[in-house]
Amino acid sequence: MATLRERLAGGAPLVAVSFGDDDAEGEAARARALGVDLAELRIDWYRSYVPGDVCRAAAAFRAAGLPTLATIRSKAEGGYWPGDDAERLALFEAVIPEVDAVDVELSSAGILPGVVAAARAADRPVIVSYHDFEATPGEAALRATVEAAVAAGADVVKISTMARGPEDLRVLAGLLLRYDSMIVIGMGAEGAGSRVFFPLLGSRITYSAIGGRPAPGQLPFAETVRLLETFSPGYAARRAAGGDA
């Protein structure tokens, strides 16, 4: 079975679903049965930030055989983390060995080097992310963001911006085609198609919802799977093989 690092490097796209810590064992079993490719552990949604509790929730998903991606999203980029940077870095450092990859925002400059260092020490890939819930910046600004994320140590760069129309989608598609190892998402109703068609152009992960707190324009998991099975033969083949291809 390919590792998450190998899957992020190429092949069929991955469909991720975000989870909090409510009934981690039950949610993990359900996600595994549905064929979720990747469990995004949204630790900023958790009821407890005690490292032992966070690691136990992560272990439930790994025990179910699901690859895991941990993030503790900052309020500045749409998250719910209530603590300070020192607490967030310590929690990242505790959970990184228990997950398969980690996502940290480029804007979290105070903790970004520490998160990257902890991930390198544990041999975990790092997604460095950028979110804009208001608009899609111009091409030059987005290129500068990607270059800064790569320079900061990203294995994969995630760009997620609000799409207001076709021109924004053209800008995002051009960015995706220009760089390797990217996740590119157009948020909102105008960007919903990007969650299916950008993976066909190389975007490594698309995010979907099973209940929870869907992002703007995010599609339900079952609908995402149906559309990808229709348009991506590689994804359909992996689903038919039980997700292990």
C-alpha atoms as a PDB file:
ATOM      1  CA  MET A   1       0.000   0.000   0.000  1.00  0.00           C
ATOM      2  CA  ALA A   2       1.343   3.419  -0.958  1.00  0.00           C
ATOM      3  CA  THR A   3       2.238   5.801   1.839  1.00  0.00           C
ATOM      4  CA  LEU A   4       0.547   9.171   2.116  1.00  0.00           C
ATOM      5  CA  ARG A   5       3.785  10.838   1.036  1.00  0.00           C
ATOM      6  CA  GLU A   6       3.783   8.708  -2.129  1.00  0.00           C
ATOM      7  CA  ARG A   7       0.133   9.450  -2.814  1.00  0.00           C
ATOM      8  CA  LEU A   8       0.724  13.168  -2.404  1.00  0.00           C
ATOM      9  CA  ALA A   9       3.538  12.941  -4.942  1.00  0.00           C
ATOM     10  CA  GLY A  10       1.328  11.685  -7.772  1.00  0.00           C
ATOM     11  CA  GLY A  11      -1.396   9.420  -9.021  1.00  0.00           C
ATOM     12  CA  ALA A  12      -5.127   9.711  -8.449  1.00  0.00           C
ATOM     13  CA  PRO A  13      -6.376  12.568  -6.247  1.00  0.00           C
ATOM     14  CA  LEU A  14      -7.316  12.038  -2.616  1.00  0.00           C
ATOM     15  CA  VAL A  15     -10.690  12.887  -1.100  1.00  0.00           C
ATOM     16  CA  ALA A  16     -10.359  14.192   2.449  1.00  0.00           C
ATOM     17  CA  VAL A  17     -13.025  14.670   5.093  1.00  0.00           C
ATOM     18  CA  SER A  18     -12.530  16.844   8.182  1.00  0.00           C
ATOM     19  CA  PHE A  19     -13.260  15.528  11.671  1.00  0.00           C
ATOM     20  CA  GLY A  20     -13.378  16.829  15.222  1.00  0.00           C
ATOM     21  CA  ASP A  21     -13.014  14.627  18.294  1.00  0.00           C
ATOM     22  CA  ASP A  22     -16.669  13.640  18.772  1.00  0.00           C
ATOM     23  CA  ASP A  23     -16.793   9.814  18.881  1.00  0.00           C
ATOM     24  CA  ALA A  24     -13.416   9.429  17.166  1.00  0.00           C
ATOM     25  CA  GLU A  25     -13.603   5.631  17.053  1.00  0.00           C
ATOM     26  CA  GLY A  26     -17.110   5.617  15.583  1.00  0.00           C
ATOM     27  CA  GLU A  27     -16.324   8.339  13.049  1.00  0.00           C
ATOM     28  CA  ALA A  28     -13.114   6.581  12.037  1.00  0.00           C
ATOM     29  CA  ALA A  29     -14.944   3.298  11.435  1.00  0.00           C
ATOM     30  CA  ARG A  30     -17.630   5.078   9.433  1.00  0.00           C
ATOM     31  CA  ALA A  31     -15.083   6.945   7.330  1.00  0.00           C
ATOM     32  CA  ARG A  32     -13.172   3.753   6.625  1.00  0.00           C
ATOM     33  CA  ALA A  33     -16.357   1.958   5.572  1.00  0.00           C
ATOM     34  CA  LEU A  34     -17.253   4.806   3.199  1.00  0.00           C
ATOM     35  CA  GLY A  35     -13.797   4.771   1.620  1.00  0.00           C
ATOM     36  CA  VAL A  36     -12.531   8.161   2.776  1.00  0.00           C
ATOM     37  CA  ASP A  37      -8.949   8.559   1.513  1.00  0.00           C
ATOM     38  CA  LEU A  38      -7.716  10.953   4.165  1.00  0.00           C
ATOM     39  CA  ALA A  39      -9.005  12.089   7.551  1.00  0.00           C
ATOM     40  CA  GLU A  40      -8.205  15.739   8.183  1.00  0.00           C
ATOM     41  CA  LEU A  41      -8.051  16.077  11.952  1.00  0.00           C
ATOM     42  CA  ARG A  42      -9.251  19.605  12.686  1.00  0.00           C
ATOM     43  CA  ILE A  43      -7.755  19.880  16.145  1.00  0.00           C
ATOM     44  CA  ASP A  44      -8.999  23.459  16.443  1.00  0.00           C
ATOM     45  CA  TRP A  45     -12.520  21.934  16.514  1.00  0.00           C
ATOM     46  CA  TYR A  46     -11.666  19.644  19.430  1.00  0.00           C
ATOM     47  CA  ARG A  47     -13.297  19.890  22.835  1.00  0.00           C
ATOM     48  CA  SER A  48      -9.982  19.068  24.567  1.00  0.00           C
ATOM     49  CA  TYR A  49      -6.560  20.409  23.663  1.00  0.00           C
ATOM     50  CA  VAL A  50      -4.780  18.185  26.183  1.00  0.00           C
ATOM     51  CA  PRO A  51      -2.013  16.504  24.125  1.00  0.00           C
ATOM     52  CA  GLY A  52      -2.883  13.016  25.386  1.00  0.00           C
ATOM     53  CA  ASP A  53      -6.537  13.451  24.388  1.00  0.00           C
ATOM     54  CA  VAL A  54      -5.587  14.802  20.970  1.00  0.00           C
ATOM     55  CA  CYS A  55      -3.192  11.924  20.332  1.00  0.00           C
ATOM     56  CA  ARG A  56      -5.806   9.353  21.374  1.00  0.00           C
ATOM     57  CA  ALA A  57      -8.282  10.789  18.881  1.00  0.00           C
ATOM     58  CA  ALA A  58      -5.628  10.615  16.160  1.00  0.00           C
ATOM     59  CA  ALA A  59      -4.802   7.033  17.118  1.00  0.00           C
ATOM     60  CA  ALA A  60      -8.448   6.020  16.587  1.00  0.00           C
ATOM     61  CA  PHE A  61      -8.252   7.014  12.921  1.00  0.00           C
ATOM     62  CA  ARG A  62      -4.892   5.366  12.380  1.00  0.00           C
ATOM     63  CA  ALA A  63      -6.181   2.180  14.059  1.00  0.00           C
ATOM     64  CA  ALA A  64      -9.020   2.150  11.521  1.00  0.00           C
ATOM     65  CA  GLY A  65      -6.443   2.214   8.729  1.00  0.00           C
ATOM     66  CA  LEU A  66      -7.078   5.799   7.658  1.00  0.00           C
ATOM     67  CA  PRO A  67      -4.235   8.147   6.716  1.00  0.00           C
ATOM     68  CA  THR A  68      -4.397  11.293   8.826  1.00  0.00           C
ATOM     69  CA  LEU A  69      -3.602  14.954   8.236  1.00  0.00           C
ATOM     70  CA  ALA A  70      -3.507  17.182  11.311  1.00  0.00           C
ATOM     71  CA  THR A  71      -4.096  20.904  11.391  1.00  0.00           C
ATOM     72  CA  ILE A  72      -4.767  23.407  14.151  1.00  0.00           C
ATOM     73  CA  ARG A  73      -6.238  26.163  12.035  1.00  0.00           C
ATOM     74  CA  SER A  74      -5.722  29.731  13.167  1.00  0.00           C
ATOM     75  CA  LYS A  75      -8.632  32.140  13.524  1.00  0.00           C
ATOM     76  CA  ALA A  76      -6.904  34.391  10.999  1.00  0.00           C
ATOM     77  CA  GLU A  77      -7.522  31.757   8.309  1.00  0.00           C
ATOM     78  CA  GLY A  78     -10.962  30.510   9.217  1.00  0.00           C
ATOM     79  CA  GLY A  79     -10.135  28.262  12.177  1.00  0.00           C
ATOM     80  CA  TYR A  80     -11.153  28.142  15.809  1.00  0.00           C
ATOM     81  CA  TRP A  81      -7.885  27.863  17.736  1.00  0.00           C
ATOM     82  CA  PRO A  82      -8.351  29.921  20.934  1.00  0.00           C
ATOM     83  CA  GLY A  83      -4.853  29.701  22.408  1.00  0.00           C
ATOM     84  CA  ASP A  84      -1.513  31.352  21.757  1.00  0.00           C
ATOM     85  CA  ASP A  85       1.310  30.376  19.410  1.00  0.00           C
ATOM     86  CA  ALA A  86       3.389  28.642  22.066  1.00  0.00           C
ATOM     87  CA  GLU A  87       0.481  26.357  22.995  1.00  0.00           C
ATOM     88  CA  ARG A  88      -0.299  25.643  19.357  1.00  0.00           C
ATOM     89  CA  LEU A  89       3.298  24.753  18.534  1.00  0.00           C
ATOM     90  CA  ALA A  90       3.524  22.427  21.536  1.00  0.00           C
ATOM     91  CA  LEU A  91       0.341  20.661  20.430  1.00  0.00           C
ATOM     92  CA  PHE A  92       1.634  20.319  16.863  1.00  0.00           C
ATOM     93  CA  GLU A  93       4.869  18.831  18.203  1.00  0.00           C
ATOM     94  CA  ALA A  94       2.918  16.331  20.320  1.00  0.00           C
ATOM     95  CA  VAL A  95       0.597  15.132  17.573  1.00  0.00           C
ATOM     96  CA  ILE A  96       2.912  15.080  14.553  1.00  0.00           C
ATOM     97  CA  PRO A  97       4.427  11.654  15.368  1.00  0.00           C
ATOM     98  CA  GLU A  98       0.871  10.248  15.642  1.00  0.00           C
ATOM     99  CA  VAL A  99      -0.340  11.391  12.192  1.00  0.00           C
ATOM    100  CA  ASP A 100       0.741  10.953   8.574  1.00  0.00           C
ATOM    101  CA  ALA A 101       1.036  14.612   7.546  1.00  0.00           C
ATOM    102  CA  VAL A 102       0.548  18.109   8.894  1.00  0.00           C
ATOM    103  CA  ASP A 103      -0.944  21.369   7.572  1.00  0.00           C
ATOM    104  CA  VAL A 104       0.175  24.766   8.870  1.00  0.00           C
ATOM    105  CA  GLU A 105      -0.572  28.222   7.492  1.00  0.00           C
ATOM    106  CA  LEU A 106       2.078  30.312   5.804  1.00  0.00           C
ATOM    107  CA  SER A 107       0.762  33.257   7.828  1.00  0.00           C
ATOM    108  CA  SER A 108       1.597  31.486  11.122  1.00  0.00           C
ATOM    109  CA  ALA A 109       5.137  32.795  10.916  1.00  0.00           C
ATOM    110  CA  GLY A 110       5.759  32.462  14.639  1.00  0.00           C
ATOM    111  CA  ILE A 111       5.329  28.684  14.630  1.00  0.00           C
ATOM    112  CA  LEU A 112       5.909  27.701  10.987  1.00  0.00           C
ATOM    113  CA  PRO A 113       9.649  26.904  11.340  1.00  0.00           C
ATOM    114  CA  GLY A 114       9.004  24.845  14.463  1.00  0.00           C
ATOM    115  CA  VAL A 115       6.199  22.853  12.848  1.00  0.00           C
ATOM    116  CA  VAL A 116       8.331  22.156   9.779  1.00  0.00           C
ATOM    117  CA  ALA A 117      11.249  21.078  11.982  1.00  0.00           C
ATOM    118  CA  ALA A 118       9.036  18.731  14.005  1.00  0.00           C
ATOM    119  CA  ALA A 119       7.604  17.222  10.831  1.00  0.00           C
ATOM    120  CA  ARG A 120      11.069  16.719   9.353  1.00  0.00           C
ATOM    121  CA  ALA A 121      12.231  15.009  12.549  1.00  0.00           C
ATOM    122  CA  ALA A 122       9.277  12.610  12.341  1.00  0.00           C
ATOM    123  CA  ASP A 123       9.556  12.191   8.534  1.00  0.00           C
ATOM    124  CA  ARG A 124       6.075  13.585   7.933  1.00  0.00           C
ATOM    125  CA  PRO A 125       5.158  15.646   4.849  1.00  0.00           C
ATOM    126  CA  VAL A 126       4.182  19.271   5.400  1.00  0.00           C
ATOM    127  CA  ILE A 127       1.370  21.117   3.686  1.00  0.00           C
ATOM    128  CA  VAL A 128       1.878  24.876   3.948  1.00  0.00           C
ATOM    129  CA  SER A 129      -1.460  26.537   3.338  1.00  0.00           C
ATOM    130  CA  TYR A 130      -2.916  29.904   2.411  1.00  0.00           C
ATOM    131  CA  HIS A 131      -6.615  30.809   2.674  1.00  0.00           C
ATOM    132  CA  ASP A 132      -8.449  33.918   1.525  1.00  0.00           C
ATOM    133  CA  PHE A 133     -12.185  33.833   2.323  1.00  0.00           C
ATOM    134  CA  GLU A 134     -12.877  37.157   0.622  1.00  0.00           C
ATOM    135  CA  ALA A 135     -11.323  37.057  -2.843  1.00  0.00           C
ATOM    136  CA  THR A 136      -8.795  35.487  -5.179  1.00  0.00           C
ATOM    137  CA  PRO A 137      -5.593  37.566  -5.324  1.00  0.00           C
ATOM    138  CA  GLY A 138      -3.926  38.259  -8.636  1.00  0.00           C
ATOM    139  CA  GLU A 139      -1.613  35.791 -10.335  1.00  0.00           C
ATOM    140  CA  ALA A 140       1.580  37.574  -9.289  1.00  0.00           C
ATOM    141  CA  ALA A 141       0.552  37.664  -5.630  1.00  0.00           C
ATOM    142  CA  LEU A 142      -0.390  33.985  -5.655  1.00  0.00           C
ATOM    143  CA  ARG A 143       2.905  33.013  -7.282  1.00  0.00           C
ATOM    144  CA  ALA A 144       4.746  34.917  -4.557  1.00  0.00           C
ATOM    145  CA  THR A 145       2.711  33.048  -1.939  1.00  0.00           C
ATOM    146  CA  VAL A 146       3.586  29.676  -3.464  1.00  0.00           C
ATOM    147  CA  GLU A 147       7.282  30.551  -3.649  1.00  0.00           C
ATOM    148  CA  ALA A 148       7.251  31.695  -0.015  1.00  0.00           C
ATOM    149  CA  ALA A 149       5.578  28.453   1.079  1.00  0.00           C
ATOM    150  CA  VAL A 150       8.140  26.355  -0.790  1.00  0.00           C
ATOM    151  CA  ALA A 151      10.961  28.378   0.737  1.00  0.00           C
ATOM    152  CA  ALA A 152       9.422  27.779   4.191  1.00  0.00           C
ATOM    153  CA  GLY A 153       9.698  24.019   3.708  1.00  0.00           C
ATOM    154  CA  ALA A 154       6.434  22.933   2.106  1.00  0.00           C
ATOM    155  CA  ASP A 155       6.265  19.495   0.535  1.00  0.00           C
ATOM    156  CA  VAL A 156       2.835  20.489  -0.791  1.00  0.00           C
ATOM    157  CA  VAL A 157       1.399  24.010  -1.083  1.00  0.00           C
ATOM    158  CA  LYS A 158      -2.322  24.551  -0.518  1.00  0.00           C
ATOM    159  CA  ILE A 159      -4.010  27.624  -1.983  1.00  0.00           C
ATOM    160  CA  SER A 160      -7.692  28.100  -1.163  1.00  0.00           C
ATOM    161  CA  THR A 161      -9.362  31.364  -2.164  1.00  0.00           C
ATOM    162  CA  MET A 162     -12.881  32.687  -2.682  1.00  0.00           C
ATOM    163  CA  ALA A 163     -13.817  32.491  -6.356  1.00  0.00           C
ATOM    164  CA  ARG A 164     -16.126  35.238  -7.547  1.00  0.00           C
ATOM    165  CA  GLY A 165     -16.369  34.159 -11.190  1.00  0.00           C
ATOM    166  CA  PRO A 166     -14.674  32.447 -14.148  1.00  0.00           C
ATOM    167  CA  GLU A 167     -11.676  34.779 -14.156  1.00  0.00           C
ATOM    168  CA  ASP A 168     -10.755  33.732 -10.620  1.00  0.00           C
ATOM    169  CA  LEU A 169     -10.988  30.085 -11.657  1.00  0.00           C
ATOM    170  CA  ARG A 170      -8.705  30.764 -14.634  1.00  0.00           C
ATOM    171  CA  VAL A 171      -6.154  32.352 -12.295  1.00  0.00           C
ATOM    172  CA  LEU A 172      -6.292  29.390  -9.929  1.00  0.00           C
ATOM    173  CA  ALA A 173      -6.106  26.844 -12.748  1.00  0.00           C
ATOM    174  CA  GLY A 174      -3.071  28.603 -14.170  1.00  0.00           C
ATOM    175  CA  LEU A 175      -1.379  28.480 -10.776  1.00  0.00           C
ATOM    176  CA  LEU A 176      -2.096  24.764 -10.483  1.00  0.00           C
ATOM    177  CA  LEU A 177      -0.648  24.070 -13.923  1.00  0.00           C
ATOM    178  CA  ARG A 178       2.468  26.125 -13.240  1.00  0.00           C
ATOM    179  CA  TYR A 179       3.638  24.293 -10.101  1.00  0.00           C
ATOM    180  CA  ASP A 180       3.981  20.713  -8.943  1.00  0.00           C
ATOM    181  CA  SER A 181       2.762  19.371  -5.582  1.00  0.00           C
ATOM    182  CA  MET A 182      -0.191  21.685  -5.196  1.00  0.00           C
ATOM    183  CA  ILE A 183      -3.658  21.700  -3.680  1.00  0.00           C
ATOM    184  CA  VAL A 184      -5.731  24.453  -5.275  1.00  0.00           C
ATOM    185  CA  ILE A 185      -9.341  25.195  -4.350  1.00  0.00           C
ATOM    186  CA  GLY A 186     -11.808  27.864  -5.375  1.00  0.00           C
ATOM    187  CA  MET A 187     -14.212  28.402  -2.493  1.00  0.00           C
ATOM    188  CA  GLY A 188     -17.834  29.494  -2.696  1.00  0.00           C
ATOM    189  CA  ALA A 189     -20.604  28.636  -5.146  1.00  0.00           C
ATOM    190  CA  GLU A 190     -18.574  29.916  -8.112  1.00  0.00           C
ATOM    191  CA  GLY A 191     -15.677  27.699  -7.096  1.00  0.00           C
ATOM    192  CA  ALA A 192     -17.550  24.465  -6.412  1.00  0.00           C
ATOM    193  CA  GLY A 193     -16.516  22.947  -9.730  1.00  0.00           C
ATOM    194  CA  SER A 194     -12.853  23.353  -8.805  1.00  0.00           C
ATOM    195  CA  ARG A 195     -13.345  20.737  -6.090  1.00  0.00           C
ATOM    196  CA  VAL A 196     -13.913  18.125  -8.792  1.00  0.00           C
ATOM    197  CA  PHE A 197     -12.102  19.387 -11.878  1.00  0.00           C
ATOM    198  CA  PHE A 198      -8.914  20.797 -10.337  1.00  0.00           C
ATOM    199  CA  PRO A 199      -8.006  17.299  -9.078  1.00  0.00           C
ATOM    200  CA  LEU A 200      -8.106  16.209 -12.726  1.00  0.00           C
ATOM    201  CA  LEU A 201      -5.422  18.847 -13.412  1.00  0.00           C
ATOM    202  CA  GLY A 202      -3.178  17.651 -10.594  1.00  0.00           C
ATOM    203  CA  SER A 203      -4.542  19.140  -7.365  1.00  0.00           C
ATOM    204  CA  ARG A 204      -3.537  16.486  -4.864  1.00  0.00           C
ATOM    205  CA  ILE A 205      -6.420  16.658  -2.347  1.00  0.00           C
ATOM    206  CA  THR A 206     -10.031  17.721  -2.580  1.00  0.00           C
ATOM    207  CA  TYR A 207     -11.940  18.295   0.637  1.00  0.00           C
ATOM    208  CA  SER A 208     -15.509  17.096   1.135  1.00  0.00           C
ATOM    209  CA  ALA A 209     -17.988  16.864   3.982  1.00  0.00           C
ATOM    210  CA  ILE A 210     -19.838  14.221   5.934  1.00  0.00           C
ATOM    211  CA  GLY A 211     -21.946  16.483   8.124  1.00  0.00           C
ATOM    212  CA  GLY A 212     -19.608  18.611  10.263  1.00  0.00           C
ATOM    213  CA  ARG A 213     -18.753  22.173   9.242  1.00  0.00           C
ATOM    214  CA  PRO A 214     -18.403  22.324   5.454  1.00  0.00           C
ATOM    215  CA  ALA A 215     -16.302  25.105   3.965  1.00  0.00           C
ATOM    216  CA  PRO A 216     -17.951  27.501   1.477  1.00  0.00           C
ATOM    217  CA  GLY A 217     -18.831  25.556  -1.679  1.00  0.00           C
ATOM    218  CA  GLN A 218     -17.660  22.230  -0.275  1.00  0.00           C
ATOM    219  CA  LEU A 219     -19.543  19.239  -1.685  1.00  0.00           C
ATOM    220  CA  PRO A 220     -20.840  16.239   0.260  1.00  0.00           C
ATOM    221  CA  PHE A 221     -18.480  13.276   0.285  1.00  0.00           C
ATOM    222  CA  ALA A 222     -20.836  10.973  -1.661  1.00  0.00           C
ATOM    223  CA  GLU A 223     -21.319  13.563  -4.425  1.00  0.00           C
ATOM    224  CA  THR A 224     -17.584  14.237  -4.647  1.00  0.00           C
ATOM    225  CA  VAL A 225     -16.895  10.516  -5.002  1.00  0.00           C
ATOM    226  CA  ARG A 226     -19.578  10.077  -7.657  1.00  0.00           C
ATOM    227  CA  LEU A 227     -18.229  12.924  -9.769  1.00  0.00           C
ATOM    228  CA  LEU A 228     -14.611  11.863  -9.462  1.00  0.00           C
ATOM    229  CA  GLU A 229     -15.493   8.284 -10.344  1.00  0.00           C
ATOM    230  CA  THR A 230     -17.175   9.676 -13.471  1.00  0.00           C
ATOM    231  CA  PHE A 231     -14.344  11.924 -14.608  1.00  0.00           C
ATOM    232  CA  SER A 232     -11.157  10.350 -13.179  1.00  0.00           C
ATOM    233  CA  PRO A 233     -10.471   6.781 -14.339  1.00  0.00           C
ATOM    234  CA  GLY A 234      -7.509   6.601 -11.968  1.00  0.00           C
ATOM    235  CA  TYR A 235      -9.654   7.542  -9.001  1.00  0.00           C
ATOM    236  CA  ALA A 236     -12.395   5.115 -10.047  1.00  0.00           C
ATOM    237  CA  ALA A 237      -9.827   2.309 -10.345  1.00  0.00           C
ATOM    238  CA  ARG A 238      -8.478   3.019  -6.886  1.00  0.00           C
ATOM    239  CA  ARG A 239     -11.992   2.992  -5.419  1.00  0.00           C
ATOM    240  CA  ALA A 240     -12.681  -0.323  -7.146  1.00  0.00           C
ATOM    241  CA  ALA A 241      -9.470  -1.712  -5.652  1.00  0.00           C
ATOM    242  CA  GLY A 242     -10.606  -0.758  -2.156  1.00  0.00           C
ATOM    243  CA  GLY A 243      -8.578   2.435  -1.927  1.00  0.00           C
ATOM    244  CA  ASP A 244      -5.207   0.695  -1.711  1.00  0.00           C
ATOM    245  CA  ALA A 245      -3.940   1.305  -5.236  1.00  0.00           C
END
